[in-house]
N, C-alpha and C. Protein backbone atom coordinates (compact mmCIF):
# COMPACT_ATOMS: atom_id res chain seq x y z
N MET A 1 -14.63 8.19 5.43
CA MET A 1 -13.27 7.78 5.58
C MET A 1 -12.61 7.35 4.26
N ALA A 2 -11.53 7.04 4.24
CA ALA A 2 -10.75 6.78 2.91
C ALA A 2 -10.69 5.27 2.60
N ASN A 3 -10.52 5.05 1.29
CA ASN A 3 -10.33 3.50 0.80
C ASN A 3 -8.79 3.43 0.63
N ILE A 4 -8.39 2.45 1.27
CA ILE A 4 -6.99 2.29 1.14
C ILE A 4 -6.66 0.84 0.71
N PHE A 5 -5.58 0.70 -0.33
CA PHE A 5 -5.24 -0.53 -0.81
C PHE A 5 -3.74 -0.74 -0.36
N ILE A 6 -3.50 -1.87 0.41
CA ILE A 6 -2.17 -2.04 0.84
C ILE A 6 -1.47 -2.91 -0.35
N SER A 7 -0.35 -2.48 -0.73
CA SER A 7 0.51 -3.24 -1.72
C SER A 7 1.72 -3.60 -1.02
N HIS A 8 1.96 -4.92 -0.94
CA HIS A 8 3.05 -5.48 -0.17
C HIS A 8 3.61 -6.77 -0.84
N ARG A 9 4.86 -7.16 -0.39
CA ARG A 9 5.40 -8.54 -0.80
C ARG A 9 4.79 -9.59 0.08
N ILE A 10 4.65 -10.73 -0.44
CA ILE A 10 3.98 -11.75 0.26
C ILE A 10 4.87 -12.23 1.59
N LYS A 11 6.07 -12.00 1.35
CA LYS A 11 7.19 -12.21 2.57
C LYS A 11 6.59 -11.40 3.85
N ASP A 12 6.00 -10.15 3.39
CA ASP A 12 5.73 -9.21 4.60
C ASP A 12 4.25 -9.35 4.92
N ASN A 13 3.55 -10.41 4.81
CA ASN A 13 2.27 -10.67 5.14
C ASN A 13 1.88 -10.17 6.59
N ASP A 14 2.75 -10.66 7.45
CA ASP A 14 2.39 -10.31 8.79
C ASP A 14 2.52 -8.82 9.17
N GLU A 15 3.66 -8.29 8.66
CA GLU A 15 3.69 -6.77 8.87
C GLU A 15 2.72 -5.97 8.20
N ALA A 16 2.30 -6.39 6.96
CA ALA A 16 1.32 -5.65 6.25
C ALA A 16 -0.09 -5.87 6.93
N GLU A 17 -0.37 -6.93 7.44
CA GLU A 17 -1.71 -7.15 8.22
C GLU A 17 -1.63 -6.38 9.51
N THR A 18 -0.61 -6.20 10.16
CA THR A 18 -0.57 -5.39 11.44
C THR A 18 -0.91 -3.85 11.07
N LEU A 19 -0.16 -3.40 9.96
CA LEU A 19 -0.28 -2.11 9.47
C LEU A 19 -1.74 -1.94 9.14
N ALA A 20 -2.32 -2.88 8.31
CA ALA A 20 -3.75 -2.69 7.72
C ALA A 20 -4.72 -2.61 8.94
N ALA A 21 -4.46 -3.43 9.99
CA ALA A 21 -5.37 -3.30 11.15
C ALA A 21 -5.29 -1.95 11.75
N HIS A 22 -4.19 -1.41 12.00
CA HIS A 22 -3.96 -0.15 12.58
C HIS A 22 -4.79 0.95 11.68
N ILE A 23 -4.63 0.78 10.44
CA ILE A 23 -5.39 1.85 9.61
C ILE A 23 -6.78 1.65 9.71
N ARG A 24 -7.28 0.37 9.62
CA ARG A 24 -8.74 0.01 9.72
C ARG A 24 -9.29 0.41 11.18
N ASP A 25 -8.48 0.32 12.16
CA ASP A 25 -8.83 0.67 13.46
C ASP A 25 -9.15 2.26 13.51
N LYS A 26 -8.72 2.99 12.66
CA LYS A 26 -8.94 4.43 12.71
C LYS A 26 -10.11 4.76 11.64
N GLY A 27 -10.88 3.80 11.17
CA GLY A 27 -12.08 3.90 10.52
C GLY A 27 -12.08 3.75 9.09
N HIS A 28 -10.85 3.60 8.57
CA HIS A 28 -10.74 3.55 7.04
C HIS A 28 -11.10 2.11 6.49
N ASP A 29 -11.54 2.08 5.25
CA ASP A 29 -11.81 0.90 4.58
C ASP A 29 -10.52 0.26 3.90
N VAL A 30 -10.04 -0.74 4.46
CA VAL A 30 -8.76 -1.23 3.98
C VAL A 30 -8.90 -2.45 3.07
N TRP A 31 -8.16 -2.50 1.91
CA TRP A 31 -8.19 -3.67 1.06
C TRP A 31 -6.74 -4.22 1.30
N LEU A 32 -6.73 -5.50 1.66
CA LEU A 32 -5.53 -6.32 1.90
C LEU A 32 -5.76 -7.69 1.27
N ASP A 33 -4.88 -8.06 0.37
CA ASP A 33 -5.28 -9.26 -0.37
C ASP A 33 -5.52 -10.46 0.55
N ILE A 34 -4.78 -10.81 1.68
CA ILE A 34 -5.29 -11.80 2.41
C ILE A 34 -6.58 -11.68 3.25
N TRP A 35 -7.17 -10.43 3.27
CA TRP A 35 -8.54 -10.23 3.79
C TRP A 35 -9.62 -10.25 2.63
N LYS A 36 -9.18 -9.92 1.33
CA LYS A 36 -10.28 -9.84 0.33
C LYS A 36 -10.20 -10.90 -0.61
N ILE A 37 -9.19 -11.72 -0.78
CA ILE A 37 -9.23 -12.70 -1.95
C ILE A 37 -9.25 -14.17 -1.20
N ASP A 38 -10.36 -14.83 -1.64
CA ASP A 38 -10.77 -16.07 -1.06
C ASP A 38 -10.40 -17.09 -2.10
N VAL A 39 -10.32 -18.43 -1.53
CA VAL A 39 -10.03 -19.62 -2.46
C VAL A 39 -11.11 -19.68 -3.54
N GLY A 40 -10.77 -19.72 -4.72
CA GLY A 40 -11.62 -19.78 -5.92
C GLY A 40 -11.91 -18.42 -6.57
N ASP A 41 -11.47 -17.32 -5.83
CA ASP A 41 -11.63 -15.97 -6.48
C ASP A 41 -10.61 -15.80 -7.61
N SER A 42 -10.97 -15.01 -8.50
CA SER A 42 -10.04 -14.49 -9.55
C SER A 42 -9.19 -13.48 -8.89
N ILE A 43 -7.88 -13.71 -8.82
CA ILE A 43 -6.89 -12.94 -8.15
C ILE A 43 -6.82 -11.54 -8.82
N ILE A 44 -6.81 -11.67 -10.09
CA ILE A 44 -6.60 -10.33 -10.89
C ILE A 44 -7.88 -9.53 -10.85
N LYS A 45 -8.93 -10.12 -10.90
CA LYS A 45 -10.30 -9.33 -10.79
C LYS A 45 -10.48 -8.68 -9.41
N LYS A 46 -10.11 -9.48 -8.30
CA LYS A 46 -10.23 -8.78 -7.07
C LYS A 46 -9.11 -7.70 -6.79
N ILE A 47 -7.96 -7.79 -7.28
CA ILE A 47 -6.91 -6.71 -7.20
C ILE A 47 -7.37 -5.54 -8.09
N ASN A 48 -7.97 -5.76 -9.23
CA ASN A 48 -8.39 -4.70 -9.98
C ASN A 48 -9.57 -3.91 -9.40
N GLU A 49 -10.57 -4.73 -8.70
CA GLU A 49 -11.68 -4.09 -7.87
C GLU A 49 -11.10 -3.32 -6.75
N GLY A 50 -10.01 -3.69 -6.10
CA GLY A 50 -9.50 -3.02 -5.11
C GLY A 50 -8.75 -1.75 -5.49
N LEU A 51 -7.88 -1.75 -6.49
CA LEU A 51 -7.46 -0.71 -6.96
C LEU A 51 -8.37 0.44 -7.48
N ALA A 52 -9.22 -0.04 -8.22
CA ALA A 52 -10.29 0.85 -8.77
C ALA A 52 -11.00 1.71 -7.90
N GLY A 53 -11.23 1.13 -6.60
CA GLY A 53 -11.91 1.83 -5.57
C GLY A 53 -11.07 2.55 -4.58
N ALA A 54 -9.84 2.41 -4.77
CA ALA A 54 -8.84 2.97 -3.76
C ALA A 54 -8.64 4.48 -4.03
N THR A 55 -8.53 5.32 -2.82
CA THR A 55 -8.22 6.59 -2.99
C THR A 55 -6.77 6.86 -2.47
N TYR A 56 -6.27 5.83 -1.93
CA TYR A 56 -4.81 5.75 -1.62
C TYR A 56 -4.14 4.24 -1.67
N LEU A 57 -2.98 4.34 -2.31
CA LEU A 57 -2.23 2.94 -2.28
C LEU A 57 -1.12 3.08 -1.38
N VAL A 58 -1.26 2.29 -0.15
CA VAL A 58 -0.06 2.27 0.62
C VAL A 58 0.98 1.27 0.12
N LEU A 59 2.06 1.82 -0.38
CA LEU A 59 3.19 1.03 -1.07
C LEU A 59 4.18 0.62 -0.01
N CYS A 60 4.19 -0.53 0.40
CA CYS A 60 5.10 -1.17 1.36
C CYS A 60 6.50 -1.47 0.79
N TYR A 61 7.62 -0.74 1.31
CA TYR A 61 8.94 -1.08 0.79
C TYR A 61 9.35 -2.17 1.69
N SER A 62 10.10 -3.08 1.15
CA SER A 62 10.61 -4.32 1.86
C SER A 62 11.95 -4.56 1.67
N ASP A 63 12.56 -5.26 2.50
CA ASP A 63 13.96 -5.62 2.37
C ASP A 63 14.10 -6.58 1.12
N ALA A 64 12.94 -7.19 0.78
CA ALA A 64 12.99 -8.07 -0.40
C ALA A 64 12.60 -7.32 -1.68
N GLY A 65 12.57 -5.83 -1.69
CA GLY A 65 12.32 -5.11 -2.76
C GLY A 65 11.00 -4.80 -3.10
N VAL A 66 10.63 -3.92 -3.97
CA VAL A 66 9.32 -3.72 -4.45
C VAL A 66 9.23 -3.86 -5.94
N MET A 67 9.99 -4.55 -6.60
CA MET A 67 9.92 -4.84 -8.18
C MET A 67 9.38 -6.13 -8.48
N SER A 68 8.61 -6.83 -7.62
CA SER A 68 8.05 -8.06 -8.01
C SER A 68 6.92 -7.82 -8.99
N GLU A 69 6.60 -8.68 -9.74
CA GLU A 69 5.59 -8.54 -10.77
C GLU A 69 4.21 -7.99 -10.29
N TRP A 70 3.80 -8.55 -9.10
CA TRP A 70 2.44 -8.13 -8.57
C TRP A 70 2.54 -6.69 -8.18
N ILE A 71 3.48 -6.53 -7.01
CA ILE A 71 3.61 -5.24 -6.55
C ILE A 71 3.90 -4.15 -7.58
N SER A 72 4.63 -4.35 -8.47
CA SER A 72 4.99 -3.41 -9.53
C SER A 72 3.72 -3.04 -10.43
N GLN A 73 2.97 -4.00 -10.76
CA GLN A 73 1.78 -3.68 -11.45
C GLN A 73 0.91 -2.95 -10.57
N GLU A 74 0.72 -3.08 -9.31
CA GLU A 74 -0.08 -2.30 -8.43
C GLU A 74 0.35 -0.84 -8.30
N TRP A 75 1.46 -0.63 -8.00
CA TRP A 75 1.90 0.81 -7.79
C TRP A 75 2.04 1.43 -9.21
N MET A 76 2.48 0.72 -10.30
CA MET A 76 2.59 1.45 -11.60
C MET A 76 1.16 1.90 -12.15
N ALA A 77 0.11 1.01 -11.90
CA ALA A 77 -1.18 1.34 -12.42
C ALA A 77 -1.75 2.39 -11.50
N THR A 78 -1.42 2.48 -10.22
CA THR A 78 -1.82 3.63 -9.43
C THR A 78 -1.00 4.91 -9.79
N LEU A 79 0.16 4.70 -10.05
CA LEU A 79 0.97 6.10 -10.48
C LEU A 79 0.35 6.65 -11.81
N ALA A 80 0.09 5.80 -12.75
CA ALA A 80 -0.63 6.07 -14.07
C ALA A 80 -1.95 6.93 -13.77
N ARG A 81 -2.66 6.34 -12.90
CA ARG A 81 -3.92 7.03 -12.40
C ARG A 81 -3.86 8.24 -11.74
N GLN A 82 -2.86 8.36 -11.04
CA GLN A 82 -2.56 9.66 -10.27
C GLN A 82 -2.07 10.69 -11.24
N LEU A 83 -1.14 10.31 -12.22
CA LEU A 83 -0.61 11.25 -13.28
C LEU A 83 -1.77 11.66 -14.05
N ASN A 84 -2.88 10.97 -14.25
CA ASN A 84 -3.99 11.29 -15.14
C ASN A 84 -5.02 12.11 -14.31
N GLY A 85 -4.70 12.29 -13.08
CA GLY A 85 -5.55 13.19 -12.15
C GLY A 85 -6.91 12.49 -11.68
N GLU A 86 -6.66 11.27 -11.45
CA GLU A 86 -7.99 10.47 -11.00
C GLU A 86 -8.13 10.55 -9.50
N GLY A 87 -7.45 11.29 -8.76
CA GLY A 87 -7.65 11.44 -7.34
C GLY A 87 -7.28 10.32 -6.64
N VAL A 88 -6.22 9.59 -6.90
CA VAL A 88 -5.52 8.53 -6.13
C VAL A 88 -4.19 8.99 -5.73
N LYS A 89 -3.67 8.65 -4.59
CA LYS A 89 -2.33 8.99 -4.27
C LYS A 89 -1.59 7.89 -3.62
N ILE A 90 -0.29 7.69 -4.08
CA ILE A 90 0.62 6.64 -3.38
C ILE A 90 1.29 7.22 -2.15
N LEU A 91 1.05 6.31 -1.05
CA LEU A 91 1.74 6.68 0.17
C LEU A 91 2.73 5.69 0.46
N PRO A 92 3.94 5.96 0.36
CA PRO A 92 4.99 4.99 0.47
C PRO A 92 5.38 4.77 2.05
N VAL A 93 5.46 3.53 2.39
CA VAL A 93 6.07 3.27 3.65
C VAL A 93 7.23 2.23 3.70
N ARG A 94 8.13 2.51 4.56
CA ARG A 94 9.39 1.51 4.64
C ARG A 94 8.79 0.55 5.79
N LEU A 95 8.29 -0.56 5.37
CA LEU A 95 7.75 -1.56 6.08
C LEU A 95 8.66 -2.49 6.89
N THR A 96 9.62 -3.14 5.98
CA THR A 96 10.58 -3.99 6.55
C THR A 96 12.07 -3.70 6.05
N GLY A 97 12.02 -2.63 5.24
CA GLY A 97 13.39 -2.17 4.74
C GLY A 97 13.27 -1.86 3.37
N GLY A 98 14.35 -1.81 2.76
CA GLY A 98 14.47 -1.59 1.24
C GLY A 98 14.32 0.01 0.97
N LYS A 99 14.29 0.15 -0.20
CA LYS A 99 14.10 1.63 -0.87
C LYS A 99 13.31 1.55 -1.98
N PRO A 100 12.89 2.91 -2.38
CA PRO A 100 11.92 3.20 -3.39
C PRO A 100 12.51 2.85 -4.81
N PRO A 101 11.64 2.60 -5.73
CA PRO A 101 12.12 2.45 -7.18
C PRO A 101 12.44 3.95 -7.53
N ALA A 102 13.32 4.13 -8.63
CA ALA A 102 13.81 5.47 -8.80
C ALA A 102 12.72 6.53 -9.24
N ILE A 103 11.66 6.12 -9.80
CA ILE A 103 10.62 6.93 -10.28
C ILE A 103 9.89 7.47 -8.97
N LEU A 104 9.97 6.85 -7.64
CA LEU A 104 9.11 7.31 -6.74
C LEU A 104 10.24 7.77 -5.55
N ALA A 105 11.59 7.90 -5.82
CA ALA A 105 12.54 8.22 -4.91
C ALA A 105 12.46 9.67 -4.27
N ASP A 106 11.63 10.58 -5.01
CA ASP A 106 11.55 11.87 -4.33
C ASP A 106 10.26 12.01 -3.40
N ILE A 107 9.50 10.93 -3.27
CA ILE A 107 8.31 10.97 -2.47
C ILE A 107 8.65 10.66 -1.07
N LYS A 108 8.43 11.39 -0.07
CA LYS A 108 8.56 11.10 1.22
C LYS A 108 7.83 9.87 1.78
N TYR A 109 8.40 9.07 2.47
CA TYR A 109 7.74 7.96 3.04
C TYR A 109 7.80 7.88 4.36
N ALA A 110 6.87 7.01 5.02
CA ALA A 110 6.77 6.85 6.49
C ALA A 110 7.69 5.81 6.73
N ASP A 111 8.55 5.99 7.81
CA ASP A 111 9.49 4.94 8.23
C ASP A 111 9.06 4.15 9.29
N LEU A 112 8.55 2.91 9.07
CA LEU A 112 7.95 2.00 10.10
C LEU A 112 9.01 1.10 10.69
N VAL A 113 10.24 1.20 10.11
CA VAL A 113 11.38 0.36 10.55
C VAL A 113 12.05 1.01 11.76
N TYR A 114 12.48 2.39 11.43
CA TYR A 114 13.06 3.17 12.41
C TYR A 114 12.31 3.43 13.56
N ASP A 115 11.08 3.93 13.42
CA ASP A 115 10.09 4.35 14.56
C ASP A 115 8.71 3.97 14.02
N TYR A 116 8.14 2.79 14.32
CA TYR A 116 6.85 2.51 13.89
C TYR A 116 5.83 3.37 14.23
N SER A 117 5.75 3.74 15.46
CA SER A 117 4.75 4.56 16.18
C SER A 117 4.72 5.98 15.29
N ASN A 118 5.97 6.61 15.26
CA ASN A 118 5.94 7.83 14.54
C ASN A 118 5.60 7.69 13.01
N GLY A 119 5.90 6.90 12.47
CA GLY A 119 5.74 6.42 11.08
C GLY A 119 4.36 6.17 10.66
N LEU A 120 3.75 5.36 11.69
CA LEU A 120 2.17 5.28 11.59
C LEU A 120 1.50 6.51 11.58
N SER A 121 2.00 7.30 12.59
CA SER A 121 1.29 8.58 12.86
C SER A 121 1.37 9.34 11.66
N GLN A 122 2.50 9.51 10.99
CA GLN A 122 2.68 10.29 9.70
C GLN A 122 1.78 9.74 8.55
N LEU A 123 1.90 8.46 8.47
CA LEU A 123 0.96 7.95 7.41
C LEU A 123 -0.48 8.15 7.62
N LEU A 124 -0.90 8.03 8.79
CA LEU A 124 -2.33 8.32 9.21
C LEU A 124 -2.75 9.81 8.91
N LYS A 125 -1.66 10.74 9.16
CA LYS A 125 -2.02 12.14 9.01
C LYS A 125 -2.17 12.37 7.43
N ALA A 126 -1.37 11.62 6.64
CA ALA A 126 -1.38 11.88 5.12
C ALA A 126 -2.87 11.33 4.61
N ILE A 127 -3.44 10.48 5.24
CA ILE A 127 -4.75 9.99 4.80
C ILE A 127 -5.87 10.99 5.13
N LYS A 128 -6.49 11.47 4.28
CA LYS A 128 -7.56 12.61 4.60
C LYS A 128 -8.88 12.01 4.20
């Protein structure tokens, strides 16, 4: 099964955790910050480990945007790896609203706001 990194805004923790649980229930290994980073851990080290092992980064669009420092670093690093042919893919999802950054605007996203069940099905189909 695939290694999935969930990139999301803190504001969307509950929605991201629900999504992560649905993906994990299908047998995938899911990296979600609130599951993987404990008190006393180096946040940067843990995120780096999660990103390095990921075959997919699920980029969660938020009505709060996707340009925060943390989420931007996650998807930009993954995009650089993808463009270098490292076998990782960004899978955008519209989790609570918002829209993609300009550089990702042409990538189809799964819309969990409009129809969660259908969007989840599309996302799971994209994970191979």
